C-alpha atoms as a PDB file:
ATOM      1  CA  UNK A   1      43.229 137.470 -25.686  1.00  0.00           C
ATOM      2  CA  UNK A   2      43.128 137.876 -29.445  1.00  0.00           C
ATOM      3  CA  UNK A   3      42.361 141.293 -30.989  1.00  0.00           C
ATOM      4  CA  UNK A   4      38.754 141.780 -31.999  1.00  0.00           C
ATOM      5  CA  UNK A   5      39.628 141.855 -35.751  1.00  0.00           C
ATOM      6  CA  UNK A   6      41.626 138.644 -35.584  1.00  0.00           C
ATOM      7  CA  UNK A   7      39.010 137.137 -33.421  1.00  0.00           C
ATOM      8  CA  UNK A   8      36.186 138.013 -35.814  1.00  0.00           C
ATOM      9  CA  UNK A   9      38.106 136.611 -38.788  1.00  0.00           C
ATOM     10  CA  UNK A  10      39.120 133.346 -36.946  1.00  0.00           C
ATOM     11  CA  UNK A  11      35.610 132.660 -35.600  1.00  0.00           C
ATOM     12  CA  UNK A  12      33.969 133.477 -38.870  1.00  0.00           C
ATOM     13  CA  UNK A  13      36.172 131.018 -40.658  1.00  0.00           C
ATOM     14  CA  UNK A  14      34.894 128.205 -38.511  1.00  0.00           C
ATOM     15  CA  UNK A  15      31.354 129.247 -37.651  1.00  0.00           C
ATOM     16  CA  UNK A  16      28.985 132.166 -38.211  1.00  0.00           C
ATOM     17  CA  UNK A  17      29.357 134.984 -35.744  1.00  0.00           C
ATOM     18  CA  UNK A  18      26.092 135.767 -33.950  1.00  0.00           C
ATOM     19  CA  UNK A  19      23.916 138.483 -35.552  1.00  0.00           C
ATOM     20  CA  UNK A  20      23.981 141.517 -33.232  1.00  0.00           C
ATOM     21  CA  UNK A  21      21.217 144.141 -32.933  1.00  0.00           C
ATOM     22  CA  UNK A  22      22.292 147.334 -31.347  1.00  0.00           C
ATOM     23  CA  UNK A  23      19.384 149.003 -29.606  1.00  0.00           C
ATOM     24  CA  UNK A  24      19.600 152.736 -29.020  1.00  0.00           C
ATOM     25  CA  UNK A  25      16.887 154.276 -26.958  1.00  0.00           C
ATOM     26  CA  UNK A  26      16.824 158.064 -27.468  1.00  0.00           C
ATOM     27  CA  UNK A  27      14.692 161.047 -26.646  1.00  0.00           C
ATOM     28  CA  UNK A  28      15.794 164.624 -27.482  1.00  0.00           C
ATOM     29  CA  UNK A  29      19.346 163.618 -28.215  1.00  0.00           C
ATOM     30  CA  UNK A  30      20.009 165.830 -31.251  1.00  0.00           C
ATOM     31  CA  UNK A  31      23.394 166.817 -29.923  1.00  0.00           C
ATOM     32  CA  UNK A  32      24.832 163.295 -29.640  1.00  0.00           C
ATOM     33  CA  UNK A  33      22.738 160.887 -31.776  1.00  0.00           C
ATOM     34  CA  UNK A  34      24.715 161.404 -34.914  1.00  0.00           C
ATOM     35  CA  UNK A  35      28.068 160.624 -33.206  1.00  0.00           C
ATOM     36  CA  UNK A  36      26.476 157.613 -31.494  1.00  0.00           C
ATOM     37  CA  UNK A  37      25.315 156.131 -34.858  1.00  0.00           C
ATOM     38  CA  UNK A  38      28.644 156.962 -36.413  1.00  0.00           C
ATOM     39  CA  UNK A  39      30.406 154.933 -33.636  1.00  0.00           C
ATOM     40  CA  UNK A  40      28.269 151.878 -34.339  1.00  0.00           C
ATOM     41  CA  UNK A  41      28.858 152.094 -38.064  1.00  0.00           C
ATOM     42  CA  UNK A  42      32.631 152.245 -37.431  1.00  0.00           C
ATOM     43  CA  UNK A  43      32.587 148.994 -35.324  1.00  0.00           C
ATOM     44  CA  UNK A  44      34.980 146.319 -36.599  1.00  0.00           C
ATOM     45  CA  UNK A  45      32.281 143.706 -36.221  1.00  0.00           C
ATOM     46  CA  UNK A  46      31.182 142.369 -39.698  1.00  0.00           C
ATOM     47  CA  UNK A  47      28.621 144.756 -41.072  1.00  0.00           C
ATOM     48  CA  UNK A  48      26.527 141.837 -42.502  1.00  0.00           C
ATOM     49  CA  UNK A  49      26.104 140.489 -38.935  1.00  0.00           C
ATOM     50  CA  UNK A  50      25.002 143.807 -37.500  1.00  0.00           C
ATOM     51  CA  UNK A  51      21.920 146.072 -37.436  1.00  0.00           C
ATOM     52  CA  UNK A  52      20.886 149.290 -35.575  1.00  0.00           C
ATOM     53  CA  UNK A  53      17.443 149.733 -33.959  1.00  0.00           C
ATOM     54  CA  UNK A  54      16.822 153.317 -32.810  1.00  0.00           C
ATOM     55  CA  UNK A  55      13.838 153.673 -30.493  1.00  0.00           C
ATOM     56  CA  UNK A  56      12.655 157.282 -30.465  1.00  0.00           C
ATOM     57  CA  UNK A  57      10.628 158.414 -27.404  1.00  0.00           C
ATOM     58  CA  UNK A  58       8.572 161.084 -29.190  1.00  0.00           C
ATOM     59  CA  UNK A  59      11.508 163.483 -29.447  1.00  0.00           C
ATOM     60  CA  UNK A  60      10.560 167.212 -29.649  1.00  0.00           C
ATOM     61  CA  UNK A  61      13.851 168.249 -31.169  1.00  0.00           C
ATOM     62  CA  UNK A  62      15.623 167.085 -34.362  1.00  0.00           C
ATOM     63  CA  UNK A  63      16.610 163.606 -33.041  1.00  0.00           C
ATOM     64  CA  UNK A  64      14.322 161.622 -35.400  1.00  0.00           C
ATOM     65  CA  UNK A  65      15.196 163.846 -38.331  1.00  0.00           C
ATOM     66  CA  UNK A  66      18.876 163.336 -37.762  1.00  0.00           C
ATOM     67  CA  UNK A  67      18.415 159.523 -37.483  1.00  0.00           C
ATOM     68  CA  UNK A  68      16.427 159.363 -40.729  1.00  0.00           C
ATOM     69  CA  UNK A  69      19.086 161.322 -42.560  1.00  0.00           C
ATOM     70  CA  UNK A  70      22.079 159.386 -41.189  1.00  0.00           C
ATOM     71  CA  UNK A  71      23.862 156.998 -43.389  1.00  0.00           C
ATOM     72  CA  UNK A  72      24.417 153.587 -41.859  1.00  0.00           C
ATOM     73  CA  UNK A  73      26.584 152.423 -44.706  1.00  0.00           C
ATOM     74  CA  UNK A  74      26.144 148.719 -45.126  1.00  0.00           C
ATOM     75  CA  UNK A  75      24.238 148.337 -41.843  1.00  0.00           C
ATOM     76  CA  UNK A  76      20.534 147.937 -41.568  1.00  0.00           C
ATOM     77  CA  UNK A  77      19.040 150.941 -39.657  1.00  0.00           C
ATOM     78  CA  UNK A  78      15.477 151.016 -38.406  1.00  0.00           C
ATOM     79  CA  UNK A  79      13.476 153.509 -36.297  1.00  0.00           C
ATOM     80  CA  UNK A  80      10.793 152.397 -33.794  1.00  0.00           C
ATOM     81  CA  UNK A  81       8.449 154.786 -32.106  1.00  0.00           C
ATOM     82  CA  UNK A  82       8.071 154.775 -28.307  1.00  0.00           C
ATOM     83  CA  UNK A  83       4.937 156.725 -27.443  1.00  0.00           C
ATOM     84  CA  UNK A  84       5.392 156.241 -23.754  1.00  0.00           C
ATOM     85  CA  UNK A  85       8.912 157.791 -23.872  1.00  0.00           C
ATOM     86  CA  UNK A  86       9.911 155.544 -21.005  1.00  0.00           C
ATOM     87  CA  UNK A  87      13.368 153.933 -21.013  1.00  0.00           C
ATOM     88  CA  UNK A  88      12.312 150.329 -20.060  1.00  0.00           C
ATOM     89  CA  UNK A  89       9.437 150.557 -22.533  1.00  0.00           C
ATOM     90  CA  UNK A  90      11.816 151.727 -25.230  1.00  0.00           C
ATOM     91  CA  UNK A  91      14.276 148.910 -24.528  1.00  0.00           C
ATOM     92  CA  UNK A  92      11.469 146.326 -24.756  1.00  0.00           C
ATOM     93  CA  UNK A  93      10.206 147.810 -28.075  1.00  0.00           C
ATOM     94  CA  UNK A  94      13.807 147.598 -29.347  1.00  0.00           C
ATOM     95  CA  UNK A  95      14.267 144.006 -28.314  1.00  0.00           C
ATOM     96  CA  UNK A  96      11.029 142.943 -29.839  1.00  0.00           C
ATOM     97  CA  UNK A  97      11.938 144.646 -33.085  1.00  0.00           C
ATOM     98  CA  UNK A  98      15.428 143.310 -33.169  1.00  0.00           C
ATOM     99  CA  UNK A  99      16.488 140.359 -35.414  1.00  0.00           C
ATOM    100  CA  UNK A 100      19.744 139.597 -33.576  1.00  0.00           C
ATOM    101  CA  UNK A 101      20.818 136.556 -31.540  1.00  0.00           C
ATOM    102  CA  UNK A 102      22.676 139.154 -29.400  1.00  0.00           C
ATOM    103  CA  UNK A 103      21.141 142.421 -28.135  1.00  0.00           C
ATOM    104  CA  UNK A 104      23.645 145.179 -27.339  1.00  0.00           C
ATOM    105  CA  UNK A 105      22.381 148.266 -25.662  1.00  0.00           C
ATOM    106  CA  UNK A 106      24.130 151.547 -26.473  1.00  0.00           C
ATOM    107  CA  UNK A 107      22.975 154.876 -25.057  1.00  0.00           C
ATOM    108  CA  UNK A 108      22.995 157.999 -27.270  1.00  0.00           C
ATOM    109  CA  UNK A 109      25.558 159.734 -24.999  1.00  0.00           C
ATOM    110  CA  UNK A 110      28.016 156.823 -24.702  1.00  0.00           C
ATOM    111  CA  UNK A 111      31.357 156.855 -26.289  1.00  0.00           C
ATOM    112  CA  UNK A 112      32.706 153.483 -27.515  1.00  0.00           C
ATOM    113  CA  UNK A 113      35.801 152.275 -29.365  1.00  0.00           C
ATOM    114  CA  UNK A 114      35.645 150.491 -32.690  1.00  0.00           C
ATOM    115  CA  UNK A 115      36.325 147.138 -31.002  1.00  0.00           C
ATOM    116  CA  UNK A 116      33.494 147.423 -28.344  1.00  0.00           C
ATOM    117  CA  UNK A 117      31.042 145.055 -29.941  1.00  0.00           C
ATOM    118  CA  UNK A 118      33.740 142.528 -31.040  1.00  0.00           C
ATOM    119  CA  UNK A 119      35.029 142.383 -27.395  1.00  0.00           C
ATOM    120  CA  UNK A 120      31.613 141.933 -25.990  1.00  0.00           C
ATOM    121  CA  UNK A 121      30.703 139.120 -28.382  1.00  0.00           C
ATOM    122  CA  UNK A 122      34.039 137.457 -27.750  1.00  0.00           C
ATOM    123  CA  UNK A 123      33.516 137.527 -24.008  1.00  0.00           C
ATOM    124  CA  UNK A 124      29.986 136.152 -24.401  1.00  0.00           C
ATOM    125  CA  UNK A 125      31.205 133.266 -26.372  1.00  0.00           C
ATOM    126  CA  UNK A 126      34.216 132.523 -24.201  1.00  0.00           C
ATOM    127  CA  UNK A 127      32.570 132.820 -20.779  1.00  0.00           C
ATOM    128  CA  UNK A 128      29.170 131.495 -21.586  1.00  0.00           C
ATOM    129  CA  UNK A 129      27.699 134.488 -19.768  1.00  0.00           C
ATOM    130  CA  UNK A 130      24.129 135.794 -20.357  1.00  0.00           C
ATOM    131  CA  UNK A 131      25.065 139.383 -20.222  1.00  0.00           C
ATOM    132  CA  UNK A 132      28.474 141.108 -20.642  1.00  0.00           C
ATOM    133  CA  UNK A 133      29.569 144.593 -20.043  1.00  0.00           C
ATOM    134  CA  UNK A 134      32.679 146.755 -19.592  1.00  0.00           C
ATOM    135  CA  UNK A 135      33.872 149.523 -17.403  1.00  0.00           C
ATOM    136  CA  UNK A 136      32.046 152.800 -17.396  1.00  0.00           C
ATOM    137  CA  UNK A 137      34.704 155.439 -17.657  1.00  0.00           C
ATOM    138  CA  UNK A 138      34.167 159.208 -17.432  1.00  0.00           C
ATOM    139  CA  UNK A 139      35.759 161.137 -20.265  1.00  0.00           C
ATOM    140  CA  UNK A 140      38.957 162.585 -18.696  1.00  0.00           C
ATOM    141  CA  UNK A 141      39.890 166.008 -20.026  1.00  0.00           C
ATOM    142  CA  UNK A 142      42.509 167.878 -18.030  1.00  0.00           C
ATOM    143  CA  UNK A 143      41.122 171.130 -19.470  1.00  0.00           C
ATOM    144  CA  UNK A 144      37.555 170.342 -18.357  1.00  0.00           C
ATOM    145  CA  UNK A 145      35.872 172.909 -16.094  1.00  0.00           C
ATOM    146  CA  UNK A 146      36.694 172.203 -12.421  1.00  0.00           C
ATOM    147  CA  UNK A 147      33.191 171.127 -11.585  1.00  0.00           C
ATOM    148  CA  UNK A 148      32.895 168.666 -14.461  1.00  0.00           C
ATOM    149  CA  UNK A 149      36.387 167.287 -13.631  1.00  0.00           C
ATOM    150  CA  UNK A 150      35.541 166.802  -9.969  1.00  0.00           C
ATOM    151  CA  UNK A 151      32.227 165.063 -10.777  1.00  0.00           C
ATOM    152  CA  UNK A 152      34.048 162.735 -13.225  1.00  0.00           C
ATOM    153  CA  UNK A 153      36.689 161.896 -10.662  1.00  0.00           C
ATOM    154  CA  UNK A 154      34.110 161.171  -8.010  1.00  0.00           C
ATOM    155  CA  UNK A 155      32.355 158.675 -10.268  1.00  0.00           C
ATOM    156  CA  UNK A 156      35.574 156.621 -10.616  1.00  0.00           C
ATOM    157  CA  UNK A 157      36.588 156.633  -6.976  1.00  0.00           C
ATOM    158  CA  UNK A 158      35.774 154.053  -4.289  1.00  0.00           C
ATOM    159  CA  UNK A 159      34.521 156.808  -1.882  1.00  0.00           C
ATOM    160  CA  UNK A 160      31.937 157.780  -4.550  1.00  0.00           C
ATOM    161  CA  UNK A 161      30.880 154.388  -5.927  1.00  0.00           C
ATOM    162  CA  UNK A 162      31.962 151.891  -3.211  1.00  0.00           C
ATOM    163  CA  UNK A 163      32.822 148.458  -4.696  1.00  0.00           C
ATOM    164  CA  UNK A 164      30.927 148.859  -7.961  1.00  0.00           C
ATOM    165  CA  UNK A 165      33.212 147.044 -10.299  1.00  0.00           C
ATOM    166  CA  UNK A 166      31.692 148.340 -13.439  1.00  0.00           C
ATOM    167  CA  UNK A 167      32.857 151.807 -12.409  1.00  0.00           C
ATOM    168  CA  UNK A 168      36.225 150.780 -10.885  1.00  0.00           C
ATOM    169  CA  UNK A 169      37.178 148.093 -13.297  1.00  0.00           C
ATOM    170  CA  UNK A 170      39.844 146.465 -11.214  1.00  0.00           C
ATOM    171  CA  UNK A 171      39.234 142.994 -12.396  1.00  0.00           C
ATOM    172  CA  UNK A 172      37.176 140.806 -14.797  1.00  0.00           C
ATOM    173  CA  UNK A 173      34.644 138.366 -13.491  1.00  0.00           C
ATOM    174  CA  UNK A 174      31.111 137.739 -12.374  1.00  0.00           C
ATOM    175  CA  UNK A 175      29.400 140.866 -10.940  1.00  0.00           C
ATOM    176  CA  UNK A 176      26.015 141.959  -9.794  1.00  0.00           C
ATOM    177  CA  UNK A 177      25.427 144.353 -12.695  1.00  0.00           C
ATOM    178  CA  UNK A 178      27.127 145.950 -15.677  1.00  0.00           C
ATOM    179  CA  UNK A 179      26.914 149.204 -17.542  1.00  0.00           C
ATOM    180  CA  UNK A 180      24.712 148.982 -20.735  1.00  0.00           C
ATOM    181  CA  UNK A 181      24.879 145.226 -21.466  1.00  0.00           C
ATOM    182  CA  UNK A 182      25.355 142.853 -24.300  1.00  0.00           C
ATOM    183  CA  UNK A 183      22.770 140.087 -23.890  1.00  0.00           C
ATOM    184  CA  UNK A 184      22.088 136.706 -25.345  1.00  0.00           C
ATOM    185  CA  UNK A 185      18.645 137.147 -26.795  1.00  0.00           C
ATOM    186  CA  UNK A 186      17.539 133.810 -25.301  1.00  0.00           C
ATOM    187  CA  UNK A 187      17.903 135.154 -21.766  1.00  0.00           C
ATOM    188  CA  UNK A 188      14.875 137.381 -22.231  1.00  0.00           C
ATOM    189  CA  UNK A 189      12.761 134.272 -22.940  1.00  0.00           C
ATOM    190  CA  UNK A 190      13.926 132.864 -19.584  1.00  0.00           C
ATOM    191  CA  UNK A 191      13.636 135.948 -17.331  1.00  0.00           C
ATOM    192  CA  UNK A 192      11.354 138.256 -19.257  1.00  0.00           C
ATOM    193  CA  UNK A 193      12.012 141.752 -20.654  1.00  0.00           C
ATOM    194  CA  UNK A 194      12.849 144.966 -18.722  1.00  0.00           C
ATOM    195  CA  UNK A 195      10.347 145.941 -16.105  1.00  0.00           C
ATOM    196  CA  UNK A 196       8.035 148.530 -17.778  1.00  0.00           C
ATOM    197  CA  UNK A 197       5.417 148.528 -14.966  1.00  0.00           C
ATOM    198  CA  UNK A 198       7.363 149.790 -11.974  1.00  0.00           C
ATOM    199  CA  UNK A 199       6.896 153.542 -11.319  1.00  0.00           C
ATOM    200  CA  UNK A 200      10.644 153.832 -11.040  1.00  0.00           C
ATOM    201  CA  UNK A 201      13.230 151.041 -10.884  1.00  0.00           C
ATOM    202  CA  UNK A 202      16.869 150.669 -11.740  1.00  0.00           C
ATOM    203  CA  UNK A 203      16.257 148.639 -14.925  1.00  0.00           C
ATOM    204  CA  UNK A 204      19.815 147.424 -15.243  1.00  0.00           C
ATOM    205  CA  UNK A 205      19.963 146.160 -11.661  1.00  0.00           C
ATOM    206  CA  UNK A 206      16.591 144.541 -12.005  1.00  0.00           C
ATOM    207  CA  UNK A 207      17.233 142.591 -15.194  1.00  0.00           C
ATOM    208  CA  UNK A 208      20.716 141.513 -14.057  1.00  0.00           C
ATOM    209  CA  UNK A 209      19.320 140.428 -10.716  1.00  0.00           C
ATOM    210  CA  UNK A 210      16.656 138.254 -12.434  1.00  0.00           C
ATOM    211  CA  UNK A 211      19.401 136.714 -14.667  1.00  0.00           C
ATOM    212  CA  UNK A 212      21.480 135.828 -11.668  1.00  0.00           C
ATOM    213  CA  UNK A 213      18.501 134.522  -9.718  1.00  0.00           C
ATOM    214  CA  UNK A 214      17.564 132.341 -12.644  1.00  0.00           C
ATOM    215  CA  UNK A 215      21.074 130.700 -12.511  1.00  0.00           C
ATOM    216  CA  UNK A 216      22.607 132.949 -15.289  1.00  0.00           C
ATOM    217  CA  UNK A 217      25.860 134.792 -15.292  1.00  0.00           C
ATOM    218  CA  UNK A 218      26.544 138.539 -15.575  1.00  0.00           C
ATOM    219  CA  UNK A 219      30.182 139.136 -16.490  1.00  0.00           C
ATOM    220  CA  UNK A 220      32.377 142.214 -16.476  1.00  0.00           C
ATOM    221  CA  UNK A 221      35.380 142.285 -18.800  1.00  0.00           C
ATOM    222  CA  UNK A 222      37.701 145.002 -17.471  1.00  0.00           C
ATOM    223  CA  UNK A 223      39.406 145.330 -20.834  1.00  0.00           C
ATOM    224  CA  UNK A 224      36.166 146.647 -22.376  1.00  0.00           C
ATOM    225  CA  UNK A 225      35.344 150.341 -21.769  1.00  0.00           C
ATOM    226  CA  UNK A 226      32.455 152.576 -22.516  1.00  0.00           C
ATOM    227  CA  UNK A 227      32.918 156.315 -21.787  1.00  0.00           C
ATOM    228  CA  UNK A 228      30.556 159.063 -21.014  1.00  0.00           C
ATOM    229  CA  UNK A 229      30.713 162.883 -20.500  1.00  0.00           C
ATOM    230  CA  UNK A 230      30.107 163.611 -16.869  1.00  0.00           C
ATOM    231  CA  UNK A 231      27.486 166.246 -15.724  1.00  0.00           C
ATOM    232  CA  UNK A 232      28.880 169.750 -15.549  1.00  0.00           C
ATOM    233  CA  UNK A 233      26.890 171.234 -12.696  1.00  0.00           C
ATOM    234  CA  UNK A 234      25.841 170.012  -9.264  1.00  0.00           C
ATOM    235  CA  UNK A 235      22.114 170.590  -9.760  1.00  0.00           C
ATOM    236  CA  UNK A 236      21.972 168.030 -12.563  1.00  0.00           C
ATOM    237  CA  UNK A 237      24.384 165.732 -10.736  1.00  0.00           C
ATOM    238  CA  UNK A 238      22.177 165.795  -7.563  1.00  0.00           C
ATOM    239  CA  UNK A 239      19.058 165.037  -9.666  1.00  0.00           C
ATOM    240  CA  UNK A 240      20.814 162.184 -11.378  1.00  0.00           C
ATOM    241  CA  UNK A 241      21.732 160.539  -7.997  1.00  0.00           C
ATOM    242  CA  UNK A 242      18.204 161.151  -6.692  1.00  0.00           C
ATOM    243  CA  UNK A 243      16.956 159.216  -9.622  1.00  0.00           C
ATOM    244  CA  UNK A 244      19.460 156.401  -8.958  1.00  0.00           C
ATOM    245  CA  UNK A 245      18.504 156.247  -5.356  1.00  0.00           C
ATOM    246  CA  UNK A 246      14.809 156.191  -6.317  1.00  0.00           C
ATOM    247  CA  UNK A 247      15.538 153.331  -8.782  1.00  0.00           C
ATOM    248  CA  UNK A 248      17.185 151.254  -6.094  1.00  0.00           C
ATOM    249  CA  UNK A 249      14.197 151.944  -3.766  1.00  0.00           C
ATOM    250  CA  UNK A 250      11.970 150.593  -6.520  1.00  0.00           C
ATOM    251  CA  UNK A 251      14.177 147.473  -6.750  1.00  0.00           C
ATOM    252  CA  UNK A 252      13.905 147.037  -2.965  1.00  0.00           C
ATOM    253  CA  UNK A 253      10.070 147.295  -3.059  1.00  0.00           C
ATOM    254  CA  UNK A 254       9.839 144.755  -5.816  1.00  0.00           C
ATOM    255  CA  UNK A 255      12.422 142.249  -4.659  1.00  0.00           C
ATOM    256  CA  UNK A 256      12.461 142.831  -0.861  1.00  0.00           C
ATOM    257  CA  UNK A 257      16.263 143.148  -0.959  1.00  0.00           C
ATOM    258  CA  UNK A 258      19.007 145.315  -2.483  1.00  0.00           C
ATOM    259  CA  UNK A 259      21.488 143.962  -5.072  1.00  0.00           C
ATOM    260  CA  UNK A 260      24.735 144.867  -3.277  1.00  0.00           C
ATOM    261  CA  UNK A 261      26.059 145.390   0.230  1.00  0.00           C
ATOM    262  CA  UNK A 262      27.238 148.903  -0.587  1.00  0.00           C
ATOM    263  CA  UNK A 263      23.621 150.030  -1.055  1.00  0.00           C
ATOM    264  CA  UNK A 264      22.550 148.652   2.281  1.00  0.00           C
ATOM    265  CA  UNK A 265      25.587 150.465   3.949  1.00  0.00           C
ATOM    266  CA  UNK A 266      24.704 153.819   2.353  1.00  0.00           C
ATOM    267  CA  UNK A 267      20.948 153.535   3.234  1.00  0.00           C
ATOM    268  CA  UNK A 268      21.849 152.578   6.834  1.00  0.00           C
ATOM    269  CA  UNK A 269      24.401 155.382   7.194  1.00  0.00           C
ATOM    270  CA  UNK A 270      22.076 158.234   5.929  1.00  0.00           C
ATOM    271  CA  UNK A 271      19.026 156.656   7.563  1.00  0.00           C
ATOM    272  CA  UNK A 272      20.903 156.649  10.940  1.00  0.00           C
ATOM    273  CA  UNK A 273      21.825 160.288  10.511  1.00  0.00           C
ATOM    274  CA  UNK A 274      18.235 161.260   9.811  1.00  0.00           C
ATOM    275  CA  UNK A 275      16.952 159.346  12.839  1.00  0.00           C
ATOM    276  CA  UNK A 276      19.528 161.078  15.061  1.00  0.00           C
ATOM    277  CA  UNK A 277      18.402 164.448  13.659  1.00  0.00           C
ATOM    278  CA  UNK A 278      14.786 163.691  14.627  1.00  0.00           C
ATOM    279  CA  UNK A 279      15.678 162.720  18.186  1.00  0.00           C
ATOM    280  CA  UNK A 280      18.281 165.410  18.761  1.00  0.00           C
ATOM    281  CA  UNK A 281      15.879 167.985  20.237  1.00  0.00           C
ATOM    282  CA  UNK A 282      14.918 165.400  22.837  1.00  0.00           C
ATOM    283  CA  UNK A 283      18.274 163.674  23.504  1.00  0.00           C
ATOM    284  CA  UNK A 284      21.782 165.001  24.121  1.00  0.00           C
ATOM    285  CA  UNK A 285      23.118 161.599  23.235  1.00  0.00           C
ATOM    286  CA  UNK A 286      21.431 161.784  19.828  1.00  0.00           C
ATOM    287  CA  UNK A 287      23.070 165.093  19.178  1.00  0.00           C
ATOM    288  CA  UNK A 288      26.452 163.822  20.205  1.00  0.00           C
ATOM    289  CA  UNK A 289      26.112 160.760  18.012  1.00  0.00           C
ATOM    290  CA  UNK A 290      24.937 162.825  15.106  1.00  0.00           C
ATOM    291  CA  UNK A 291      27.852 165.273  15.231  1.00  0.00           C
ATOM    292  CA  UNK A 292      30.256 162.374  15.759  1.00  0.00           C
ATOM    293  CA  UNK A 293      29.015 160.382  12.775  1.00  0.00           C
ATOM    294  CA  UNK A 294      28.529 163.294  10.444  1.00  0.00           C
ATOM    295  CA  UNK A 295      31.843 164.882  11.595  1.00  0.00           C
ATOM    296  CA  UNK A 296      33.620 161.593  10.844  1.00  0.00           C
ATOM    297  CA  UNK A 297      32.013 161.518   7.382  1.00  0.00           C
ATOM    298  CA  UNK A 298      32.914 165.158   6.617  1.00  0.00           C
ATOM    299  CA  UNK A 299      36.488 164.672   7.855  1.00  0.00           C
ATOM    300  CA  UNK A 300      36.927 161.568   5.668  1.00  0.00           C
ATOM    301  CA  UNK A 301      35.409 163.299   2.650  1.00  0.00           C
ATOM    302  CA  UNK A 302      37.634 166.283   3.091  1.00  0.00           C
ATOM    303  CA  UNK A 303      40.833 164.221   3.474  1.00  0.00           C
ATOM    304  CA  UNK A 304      40.133 162.102   0.382  1.00  0.00           C
ATOM    305  CA  UNK A 305      39.153 165.265  -1.616  1.00  0.00           C
ATOM    306  CA  UNK A 306      42.296 167.002  -0.514  1.00  0.00           C
ATOM    307  CA  UNK A 307      44.555 164.163  -1.487  1.00  0.00           C
ATOM    308  CA  UNK A 308      43.001 164.030  -4.990  1.00  0.00           C
ATOM    309  CA  UNK A 309      43.310 167.732  -5.325  1.00  0.00           C
ATOM    310  CA  UNK A 310      47.021 167.533  -4.441  1.00  0.00           C
ATOM    311  CA  UNK A 311      47.588 164.676  -6.823  1.00  0.00           C
ATOM    312  CA  UNK A 312      45.854 166.636  -9.633  1.00  0.00           C
ATOM    313  CA  UNK A 313      47.724 169.814  -8.647  1.00  0.00           C
ATOM    314  CA  UNK A 314      44.379 171.755  -8.785  1.00  0.00           C
ATOM    315  CA  UNK A 315      43.368 173.394  -5.453  1.00  0.00           C
ATOM    316  CA  UNK A 316      40.084 174.468  -7.147  1.00  0.00           C
ATOM    317  CA  UNK A 317      39.001 170.816  -7.177  1.00  0.00           C
ATOM    318  CA  UNK A 318      39.018 170.476  -3.336  1.00  0.00           C
ATOM    319  CA  UNK A 319      35.618 172.052  -2.498  1.00  0.00           C
ATOM    320  CA  UNK A 320      34.034 170.659  -5.722  1.00  0.00           C
ATOM    321  CA  UNK A 321      35.132 167.155  -4.891  1.00  0.00           C
ATOM    322  CA  UNK A 322      33.701 167.457  -1.374  1.00  0.00           C
ATOM    323  CA  UNK A 323      30.321 168.565  -2.952  1.00  0.00           C
ATOM    324  CA  UNK A 324      30.516 165.811  -5.693  1.00  0.00           C
ATOM    325  CA  UNK A 325      30.960 163.016  -3.111  1.00  0.00           C
ATOM    326  CA  UNK A 326      28.152 164.527  -0.935  1.00  0.00           C
ATOM    327  CA  UNK A 327      25.818 164.671  -3.975  1.00  0.00           C
ATOM    328  CA  UNK A 328      26.457 160.971  -4.623  1.00  0.00           C
ATOM    329  CA  UNK A 329      25.830 159.902  -1.026  1.00  0.00           C
ATOM    330  CA  UNK A 330      23.055 162.249   0.049  1.00  0.00           C
ATOM    331  CA  UNK A 331      21.381 162.683  -3.398  1.00  0.00           C
ATOM    332  CA  UNK A 332      21.117 158.863  -3.697  1.00  0.00           C
ATOM    333  CA  UNK A 333      19.791 158.588  -0.106  1.00  0.00           C
ATOM    334  CA  UNK A 334      17.212 161.452  -0.619  1.00  0.00           C
ATOM    335  CA  UNK A 335      15.853 159.744  -3.751  1.00  0.00           C
ATOM    336  CA  UNK A 336      15.880 156.335  -1.992  1.00  0.00           C
ATOM    337  CA  UNK A 337      13.900 157.394   1.044  1.00  0.00           C
ATOM    338  CA  UNK A 338      11.613 159.658  -0.895  1.00  0.00           C
ATOM    339  CA  UNK A 339      10.673 156.716  -3.130  1.00  0.00           C
ATOM    340  CA  UNK A 340      10.031 154.451  -0.191  1.00  0.00           C
ATOM    341  CA  UNK A 341       7.706 157.048   1.308  1.00  0.00           C
ATOM    342  CA  UNK A 342       5.647 157.317  -1.854  1.00  0.00           C
ATOM    343  CA  UNK A 343       3.256 154.850  -3.385  1.00  0.00           C
ATOM    344  CA  UNK A 344       2.496 155.788  -6.978  1.00  0.00           C
ATOM    345  CA  UNK A 345       0.105 153.675  -8.939  1.00  0.00           C
ATOM    346  CA  UNK A 346       1.405 150.720 -10.964  1.00  0.00           C
ATOM    347  CA  UNK A 347       2.773 151.957 -14.277  1.00  0.00           C
ATOM    348  CA  UNK A 348       2.680 155.637 -13.208  1.00  0.00           C
ATOM    349  CA  UNK A 349       6.230 156.976 -13.675  1.00  0.00           C
ATOM    350  CA  UNK A 350       7.654 158.661 -10.668  1.00  0.00           C
ATOM    351  CA  UNK A 351       8.265 162.386 -11.076  1.00  0.00           C
ATOM    352  CA  UNK A 352      10.783 164.490  -9.242  1.00  0.00           C
END
């Protein structure tokens, strides 16, 4: 594969590169928005074929101020207001305001290399895909606090994320969903914009499912990476996975299916545990099955966590890894079943 710079030069010599609109949906991101914009400005993609659209969700901190004062150099930079503050609504406003043939989503807390957009566009053109993404990598700092380090490790391990290729990044190819996304604009004419009506839904999973159902292709390039800073405490991590689980339940209610087998497996596992707990006062068999199933899970979690702690040579990671994996599995399941039990009105955003 050619390097992004050589690729950009070679393609531009023959044809015009697609115009790319980078949409950044932000709300109260004063700590990270300047760095986010600086990363986009530093991209090696031709500046005359690039613009930035920041969608501000009525920030109550200095986010909008900082954006207005940021220099975008040769890039066009515009701010769009998002009165609803919702993520899907913000993405749709950004897409409507964008001028690009390609829409690239970048979150305010994401860390990307200077070749990120070039690689995404190259992959779009070479594969014919409708949406392209890379591998979501936690920022790995050996000196990170043990809790943050454990959370980051759990988010890149099969026990935590199953077979989610956008987190594992083992191979390139067609996938069910990708992190962020770099879309051909025309795909939104075919499948519609992000779902802004569902009370809560996994907007990435939903849009990528609709693309695939319409015969399109979602492609993961494992050579592309986008990093993020993991949560540094278990309370926020639990809430994050409750939200993820709720989003997948919203997807299930809308489409009457889940997007990946790993989601069915986790829902079945935790649902079975919950059912056994309910029947345990009435049935010795239920109690035995519960302790057997939960005990097997606890043992597996402990063994995997111990092996990672040994590899990292940090004993303090062991209990934290056990908790991190449990937050992923049971936080997700709690949010999933809680959302299934609720029936908020259409357009009413689900509150935790």
